[in-house]
Amino acid sequence: MIMPMKMLEENLNKKVALLLKDNRSLQGVLSGFDEYMNMVLDNVEESSESLNRKLGTVIIRGSNVVRIVPV
């Protein structure tokens, strides 16, 4: 099993997919994170059942993330 912080370190500046607590899915390039697993993603695209949209750069609070998957 891989530890979350190690996975973030290994995927810095690479594309990741996040599932958030509100069931939204985000894909973007992980450009930074902190010890609380708050993340900065660039070139983000959001997808849900009803929409797909480009968001640009976003900051995600770590406590809102359910799953992180390298793309």
PDB file of N, CA and C in Angstrom:
ATOM      1  N   MET A   1       0.848  -1.188   0.000  1.00  0.00           N
ATOM      2  CA  MET A   1       0.000   0.000   0.000  1.00  0.00           C
ATOM      3  C   MET A   1       0.888   1.243   0.000  1.00  0.00           C
ATOM      4  N   ILE A   2       0.538   2.207  -0.860  1.00  0.00           N
ATOM      5  CA  ILE A   2       1.332   3.428  -0.960  1.00  0.00           C
ATOM      6  C   ILE A   2       0.718   4.510  -0.059  1.00  0.00           C
ATOM      7  N   MET A   3       1.566   5.220   0.650  1.00  0.00           N
ATOM      8  CA  MET A   3       1.102   6.272   1.543  1.00  0.00           C
ATOM      9  C   MET A   3       0.722   7.509   0.719  1.00  0.00           C
ATOM     10  N   PRO A   4      -0.332   8.231   1.125  1.00  0.00           N
ATOM     11  CA  PRO A   4      -0.820   9.369   0.324  1.00  0.00           C
ATOM     12  C   PRO A   4       0.239  10.446   0.055  1.00  0.00           C
ATOM     13  N   MET A   5       1.027  10.826   1.059  1.00  0.00           N
ATOM     14  CA  MET A   5       2.012  11.884   0.839  1.00  0.00           C
ATOM     15  C   MET A   5       3.086  11.440  -0.155  1.00  0.00           C
ATOM     16  N   LYS A   6       3.487  10.181  -0.089  1.00  0.00           N
ATOM     17  CA  LYS A   6       4.464   9.650  -1.034  1.00  0.00           C
ATOM     18  C   LYS A   6       3.890   9.660  -2.449  1.00  0.00           C
ATOM     19  N   MET A   7       2.617   9.301  -2.575  1.00  0.00           N
ATOM     20  CA  MET A   7       1.966   9.299  -3.882  1.00  0.00           C
ATOM     21  C   MET A   7       1.919  10.719  -4.450  1.00  0.00           C
ATOM     22  N   LEU A   8       1.634  11.711  -3.589  1.00  0.00           N
ATOM     23  CA  LEU A   8       1.619  13.097  -4.059  1.00  0.00           C
ATOM     24  C   LEU A   8       3.013  13.527  -4.512  1.00  0.00           C
ATOM     25  N   GLU A   9       4.043  13.178  -3.744  1.00  0.00           N
ATOM     26  CA  GLU A   9       5.413  13.522  -4.125  1.00  0.00           C
ATOM     27  C   GLU A   9       5.784  12.917  -5.472  1.00  0.00           C
ATOM     28  N   GLU A  10       5.395  11.657  -5.680  1.00  0.00           N
ATOM     29  CA  GLU A  10       5.740  10.962  -6.927  1.00  0.00           C
ATOM     30  C   GLU A  10       4.980  11.508  -8.128  1.00  0.00           C
ATOM     31  N   ASN A  11       3.846  12.160  -7.883  1.00  0.00           N
ATOM     32  CA  ASN A  11       3.025  12.655  -8.990  1.00  0.00           C
ATOM     33  C   ASN A  11       3.038  14.169  -9.128  1.00  0.00           C
ATOM     34  N   LEU A  12       3.973  14.832  -8.460  1.00  0.00           N
ATOM     35  CA  LEU A  12       4.108  16.271  -8.591  1.00  0.00           C
ATOM     36  C   LEU A  12       4.426  16.605 -10.054  1.00  0.00           C
ATOM     37  N   ASN A  13       3.724  17.589 -10.593  1.00  0.00           N
ATOM     38  CA  ASN A  13       3.848  18.016 -11.996  1.00  0.00           C
ATOM     39  C   ASN A  13       3.380  16.959 -12.988  1.00  0.00           C
ATOM     40  N   LYS A  14       2.542  16.045 -12.529  1.00  0.00           N
ATOM     41  CA  LYS A  14       1.922  15.045 -13.400  1.00  0.00           C
ATOM     42  C   LYS A  14       0.409  15.152 -13.271  1.00  0.00           C
ATOM     43  N   LYS A  15      -0.292  14.541 -14.210  1.00  0.00           N
ATOM     44  CA  LYS A  15      -1.750  14.617 -14.214  1.00  0.00           C
ATOM     45  C   LYS A  15      -2.345  13.631 -13.213  1.00  0.00           C
ATOM     46  N   VAL A  16      -3.315  14.120 -12.429  1.00  0.00           N
ATOM     47  CA  VAL A  16      -4.018  13.282 -11.456  1.00  0.00           C
ATOM     48  C   VAL A  16      -5.517  13.514 -11.597  1.00  0.00           C
ATOM     49  N   ALA A  17      -6.293  12.540 -11.127  1.00  0.00           N
ATOM     50  CA  ALA A  17      -7.742  12.655 -11.079  1.00  0.00           C
ATOM     51  C   ALA A  17      -8.167  12.601  -9.618  1.00  0.00           C
ATOM     52  N   LEU A  18      -9.043  13.516  -9.223  1.00  0.00           N
ATOM     53  CA  LEU A  18      -9.543  13.564  -7.855  1.00  0.00           C
ATOM     54  C   LEU A  18     -11.036  13.315  -7.848  1.00  0.00           C
ATOM     55  N   LEU A  19     -11.506  12.580  -6.854  1.00  0.00           N
ATOM     56  CA  LEU A  19     -12.926  12.472  -6.572  1.00  0.00           C
ATOM     57  C   LEU A  19     -13.159  13.240  -5.288  1.00  0.00           C
ATOM     58  N   LEU A  20     -14.094  14.195  -5.326  1.00  0.00           N
ATOM     59  CA  LEU A  20     -14.378  15.027  -4.166  1.00  0.00           C
ATOM     60  C   LEU A  20     -15.599  14.504  -3.412  1.00  0.00           C
ATOM     61  N   LYS A  21     -15.747  14.943  -2.172  1.00  0.00           N
ATOM     62  CA  LYS A  21     -16.857  14.484  -1.324  1.00  0.00           C
ATOM     63  C   LYS A  21     -18.224  14.758  -1.941  1.00  0.00           C
ATOM     64  N   ASP A  22     -18.335  15.818  -2.735  1.00  0.00           N
ATOM     65  CA  ASP A  22     -19.633  16.150  -3.352  1.00  0.00           C
ATOM     66  C   ASP A  22     -19.833  15.447  -4.699  1.00  0.00           C
ATOM     67  N   ASN A  23     -19.031  14.408  -4.955  1.00  0.00           N
ATOM     68  CA  ASN A  23     -19.125  13.568  -6.162  1.00  0.00           C
ATOM     69  C   ASN A  23     -18.632  14.231  -7.440  1.00  0.00           C
ATOM     70  N   ARG A  24     -18.003  15.389  -7.340  1.00  0.00           N
ATOM     71  CA  ARG A  24     -17.399  15.979  -8.533  1.00  0.00           C
ATOM     72  C   ARG A  24     -16.068  15.294  -8.800  1.00  0.00           C
ATOM     73  N   SER A  25     -15.707  15.227 -10.070  1.00  0.00           N
ATOM     74  CA  SER A  25     -14.413  14.673 -10.481  1.00  0.00           C
ATOM     75  C   SER A  25     -13.601  15.787 -11.120  1.00  0.00           C
ATOM     76  N   LEU A  26     -12.348  15.894 -10.701  1.00  0.00           N
ATOM     77  CA  LEU A  26     -11.440  16.880 -11.266  1.00  0.00           C
ATOM     78  C   LEU A  26     -10.226  16.170 -11.821  1.00  0.00           C
ATOM     79  N   GLN A  27      -9.736  16.647 -12.961  1.00  0.00           N
ATOM     80  CA  GLN A  27      -8.467  16.169 -13.511  1.00  0.00           C
ATOM     81  C   GLN A  27      -7.598  17.374 -13.789  1.00  0.00           C
ATOM     82  N   GLY A  28      -6.347  17.277 -13.376  1.00  0.00           N
ATOM     83  CA  GLY A  28      -5.431  18.366 -13.633  1.00  0.00           C
ATOM     84  C   GLY A  28      -4.017  17.985 -13.253  1.00  0.00           C
ATOM     85  N   VAL A  29      -3.100  18.912 -13.463  1.00  0.00           N
ATOM     86  CA  VAL A  29      -1.686  18.692 -13.165  1.00  0.00           C
ATOM     87  C   VAL A  29      -1.420  19.151 -11.733  1.00  0.00           C
ATOM     88  N   LEU A  30      -0.933  18.246 -10.905  1.00  0.00           N
ATOM     89  CA  LEU A  30      -0.626  18.543  -9.514  1.00  0.00           C
ATOM     90  C   LEU A  30       0.620  19.420  -9.458  1.00  0.00           C
ATOM     91  N   SER A  31       0.442  20.698  -9.101  1.00  0.00           N
ATOM     92  CA  SER A  31       1.595  21.601  -9.092  1.00  0.00           C
ATOM     93  C   SER A  31       2.100  21.907  -7.684  1.00  0.00           C
ATOM     94  N   GLY A  32       1.354  21.492  -6.655  1.00  0.00           N
ATOM     95  CA  GLY A  32       1.818  21.707  -5.294  1.00  0.00           C
ATOM     96  C   GLY A  32       0.888  21.087  -4.274  1.00  0.00           C
ATOM     97  N   PHE A  33       1.409  20.884  -3.054  1.00  0.00           N
ATOM     98  CA  PHE A  33       0.598  20.365  -1.952  1.00  0.00           C
ATOM     99  C   PHE A  33       1.303  20.690  -0.643  1.00  0.00           C
ATOM    100  N   ASP A  34       0.561  20.576   0.464  1.00  0.00           N
ATOM    101  CA  ASP A  34       1.160  20.818   1.771  1.00  0.00           C
ATOM    102  C   ASP A  34       0.938  19.621   2.692  1.00  0.00           C
ATOM    103  N   GLU A  35       1.348  19.780   3.957  1.00  0.00           N
ATOM    104  CA  GLU A  35       1.276  18.653   4.897  1.00  0.00           C
ATOM    105  C   GLU A  35      -0.160  18.251   5.236  1.00  0.00           C
ATOM    106  N   TYR A  36      -1.137  19.109   4.910  1.00  0.00           N
ATOM    107  CA  TYR A  36      -2.553  18.780   5.154  1.00  0.00           C
ATOM    108  C   TYR A  36      -3.204  18.178   3.920  1.00  0.00           C
ATOM    109  N   MET A  37      -2.412  17.914   2.906  1.00  0.00           N
ATOM    110  CA  MET A  37      -2.863  17.376   1.627  1.00  0.00           C
ATOM    111  C   MET A  37      -3.742  18.356   0.854  1.00  0.00           C
ATOM    112  N   ASN A  38      -3.653  19.652   1.197  1.00  0.00           N
ATOM    113  CA  ASN A  38      -4.258  20.667   0.343  1.00  0.00           C
ATOM    114  C   ASN A  38      -3.442  20.669  -0.944  1.00  0.00           C
ATOM    115  N   MET A  39      -4.115  20.816  -2.073  1.00  0.00           N
ATOM    116  CA  MET A  39      -3.431  20.671  -3.352  1.00  0.00           C
ATOM    117  C   MET A  39      -3.700  21.846  -4.278  1.00  0.00           C
ATOM    118  N   VAL A  40      -2.722  22.160  -5.097  1.00  0.00           N
ATOM    119  CA  VAL A  40      -2.885  23.126  -6.183  1.00  0.00           C
ATOM    120  C   VAL A  40      -2.807  22.331  -7.478  1.00  0.00           C
ATOM    121  N   LEU A  41      -3.831  22.477  -8.311  1.00  0.00           N
ATOM    122  CA  LEU A  41      -3.867  21.802  -9.606  1.00  0.00           C
ATOM    123  C   LEU A  41      -3.978  22.836 -10.710  1.00  0.00           C
ATOM    124  N   ASP A  42      -3.247  22.605 -11.796  1.00  0.00           N
ATOM    125  CA  ASP A  42      -3.299  23.470 -12.975  1.00  0.00           C
ATOM    126  C   ASP A  42      -4.036  22.752 -14.102  1.00  0.00           C
ATOM    127  N   ASN A  43      -4.561  23.533 -15.030  1.00  0.00           N
ATOM    128  CA  ASN A  43      -5.263  22.997 -16.214  1.00  0.00           C
ATOM    129  C   ASN A  43      -6.365  22.024 -15.807  1.00  0.00           C
ATOM    130  N   VAL A  44      -7.174  22.426 -14.838  1.00  0.00           N
ATOM    131  CA  VAL A  44      -8.188  21.535 -14.268  1.00  0.00           C
ATOM    132  C   VAL A  44      -9.433  21.481 -15.138  1.00  0.00           C
ATOM    133  N   GLU A  45      -9.943  20.262 -15.296  1.00  0.00           N
ATOM    134  CA  GLU A  45     -11.233  20.035 -15.934  1.00  0.00           C
ATOM    135  C   GLU A  45     -12.126  19.339 -14.930  1.00  0.00           C
ATOM    136  N   GLU A  46     -13.334  19.866 -14.760  1.00  0.00           N
ATOM    137  CA  GLU A  46     -14.319  19.274 -13.847  1.00  0.00           C
ATOM    138  C   GLU A  46     -15.333  18.495 -14.661  1.00  0.00           C
ATOM    139  N   SER A  47     -15.697  17.327 -14.174  1.00  0.00           N
ATOM    140  CA  SER A  47     -16.761  16.579 -14.832  1.00  0.00           C
ATOM    141  C   SER A  47     -17.690  15.999 -13.773  1.00  0.00           C
ATOM    142  N   SER A  48     -18.968  16.113 -14.059  1.00  0.00           N
ATOM    143  CA  SER A  48     -19.998  15.509 -13.218  1.00  0.00           C
ATOM    144  C   SER A  48     -21.053  14.958 -14.165  1.00  0.00           C
ATOM    145  N   GLU A  49     -22.161  14.500 -13.609  1.00  0.00           N
ATOM    146  CA  GLU A  49     -23.198  13.907 -14.465  1.00  0.00           C
ATOM    147  C   GLU A  49     -23.735  14.897 -15.489  1.00  0.00           C
ATOM    148  N   SER A  50     -23.826  16.181 -15.099  1.00  0.00           N
ATOM    149  CA  SER A  50     -24.505  17.139 -15.965  1.00  0.00           C
ATOM    150  C   SER A  50     -23.596  18.129 -16.691  1.00  0.00           C
ATOM    151  N   LEU A  51     -22.284  18.159 -16.365  1.00  0.00           N
ATOM    152  CA  LEU A  51     -21.457  19.161 -17.028  1.00  0.00           C
ATOM    153  C   LEU A  51     -19.998  18.752 -17.109  1.00  0.00           C
ATOM    154  N   ASN A  52     -19.334  19.360 -18.071  1.00  0.00           N
ATOM    155  CA  ASN A  52     -17.877  19.290 -18.203  1.00  0.00           C
ATOM    156  C   ASN A  52     -17.408  20.708 -18.432  1.00  0.00           C
ATOM    157  N   ARG A  53     -16.445  21.164 -17.620  1.00  0.00           N
ATOM    158  CA  ARG A  53     -15.953  22.531 -17.811  1.00  0.00           C
ATOM    159  C   ARG A  53     -14.500  22.655 -17.403  1.00  0.00           C
ATOM    160  N   LYS A  54     -13.846  23.628 -17.997  1.00  0.00           N
ATOM    161  CA  LYS A  54     -12.443  23.921 -17.679  1.00  0.00           C
ATOM    162  C   LYS A  54     -12.416  24.962 -16.566  1.00  0.00           C
ATOM    163  N   LEU A  55     -11.595  24.709 -15.545  1.00  0.00           N
ATOM    164  CA  LEU A  55     -11.528  25.610 -14.401  1.00  0.00           C
ATOM    165  C   LEU A  55     -10.204  26.350 -14.294  1.00  0.00           C
ATOM    166  N   GLY A  56      -9.175  25.905 -15.012  1.00  0.00           N
ATOM    167  CA  GLY A  56      -7.872  26.545 -14.903  1.00  0.00           C
ATOM    168  C   GLY A  56      -7.128  26.059 -13.675  1.00  0.00           C
ATOM    169  N   THR A  57      -6.611  26.983 -12.855  1.00  0.00           N
ATOM    170  CA  THR A  57      -5.870  26.631 -11.647  1.00  0.00           C
ATOM    171  C   THR A  57      -6.803  26.672 -10.443  1.00  0.00           C
ATOM    172  N   VAL A  58      -6.777  25.625  -9.630  1.00  0.00           N
ATOM    173  CA  VAL A  58      -7.630  25.562  -8.441  1.00  0.00           C
ATOM    174  C   VAL A  58      -6.816  25.101  -7.234  1.00  0.00           C
ATOM    175  N   ILE A  59      -7.301  25.477  -6.056  1.00  0.00           N
ATOM    176  CA  ILE A  59      -6.752  24.999  -4.791  1.00  0.00           C
ATOM    177  C   ILE A  59      -7.826  24.124  -4.150  1.00  0.00           C
ATOM    178  N   ILE A  60      -7.452  22.903  -3.808  1.00  0.00           N
ATOM    179  CA  ILE A  60      -8.395  21.939  -3.238  1.00  0.00           C
ATOM    180  C   ILE A  60      -8.010  21.667  -1.793  1.00  0.00           C
ATOM    181  N   ARG A  61      -8.960  21.798  -0.907  1.00  0.00           N
ATOM    182  CA  ARG A  61      -8.722  21.469   0.493  1.00  0.00           C
ATOM    183  C   ARG A  61      -8.636  19.947   0.626  1.00  0.00           C
ATOM    184  N   GLY A  62      -7.599  19.470   1.283  1.00  0.00           N
ATOM    185  CA  GLY A  62      -7.362  18.034   1.403  1.00  0.00           C
ATOM    186  C   GLY A  62      -8.514  17.271   2.019  1.00  0.00           C
ATOM    187  N   SER A  63      -9.234  17.889   2.960  1.00  0.00           N
ATOM    188  CA  SER A  63     -10.340  17.189   3.627  1.00  0.00           C
ATOM    189  C   SER A  63     -11.533  16.959   2.703  1.00  0.00           C
ATOM    190  N   ASN A  64     -11.557  17.596   1.531  1.00  0.00           N
ATOM    191  CA  ASN A  64     -12.648  17.388   0.573  1.00  0.00           C
ATOM    192  C   ASN A  64     -12.362  16.269  -0.426  1.00  0.00           C
ATOM    193  N   VAL A  65     -11.168  15.695  -0.375  1.00  0.00           N
ATOM    194  CA  VAL A  65     -10.771  14.684  -1.363  1.00  0.00           C
ATOM    195  C   VAL A  65     -11.058  13.287  -0.841  1.00  0.00           C
ATOM    196  N   VAL A  66     -11.759  12.510  -1.661  1.00  0.00           N
ATOM    197  CA  VAL A  66     -12.062  11.118  -1.333  1.00  0.00           C
ATOM    198  C   VAL A  66     -11.012  10.189  -1.939  1.00  0.00           C
ATOM    199  N   ARG A  67     -10.603  10.492  -3.186  1.00  0.00           N
ATOM    200  CA  ARG A  67      -9.687   9.595  -3.892  1.00  0.00           C
ATOM    201  C   ARG A  67      -8.772  10.402  -4.809  1.00  0.00           C
ATOM    202  N   ILE A  68      -7.516   9.962  -4.882  1.00  0.00           N
ATOM    203  CA  ILE A  68      -6.526  10.545  -5.800  1.00  0.00           C
ATOM    204  C   ILE A  68      -5.970   9.418  -6.654  1.00  0.00           C
ATOM    205  N   VAL A  69      -6.024   9.588  -7.986  1.00  0.00           N
ATOM    206  CA  VAL A  69      -5.547   8.550  -8.886  1.00  0.00           C
ATOM    207  C   VAL A  69      -4.627   9.188  -9.940  1.00  0.00           C
ATOM    208  N   PRO A  70      -3.407   8.665 -10.100  1.00  0.00           N
ATOM    209  CA  PRO A  70      -2.562   9.156 -11.202  1.00  0.00           C
ATOM    210  C   PRO A  70      -3.203   8.804 -12.538  1.00  0.00           C
ATOM    211  N   VAL A  71      -3.094   9.727 -13.500  1.00  0.00           N
ATOM    212  CA  VAL A  71      -3.712   9.487 -14.820  1.00  0.00           C
ATOM    213  C   VAL A  71      -2.620   9.146 -15.814  1.00  0.00           C
TER     214      VAL A  71
END
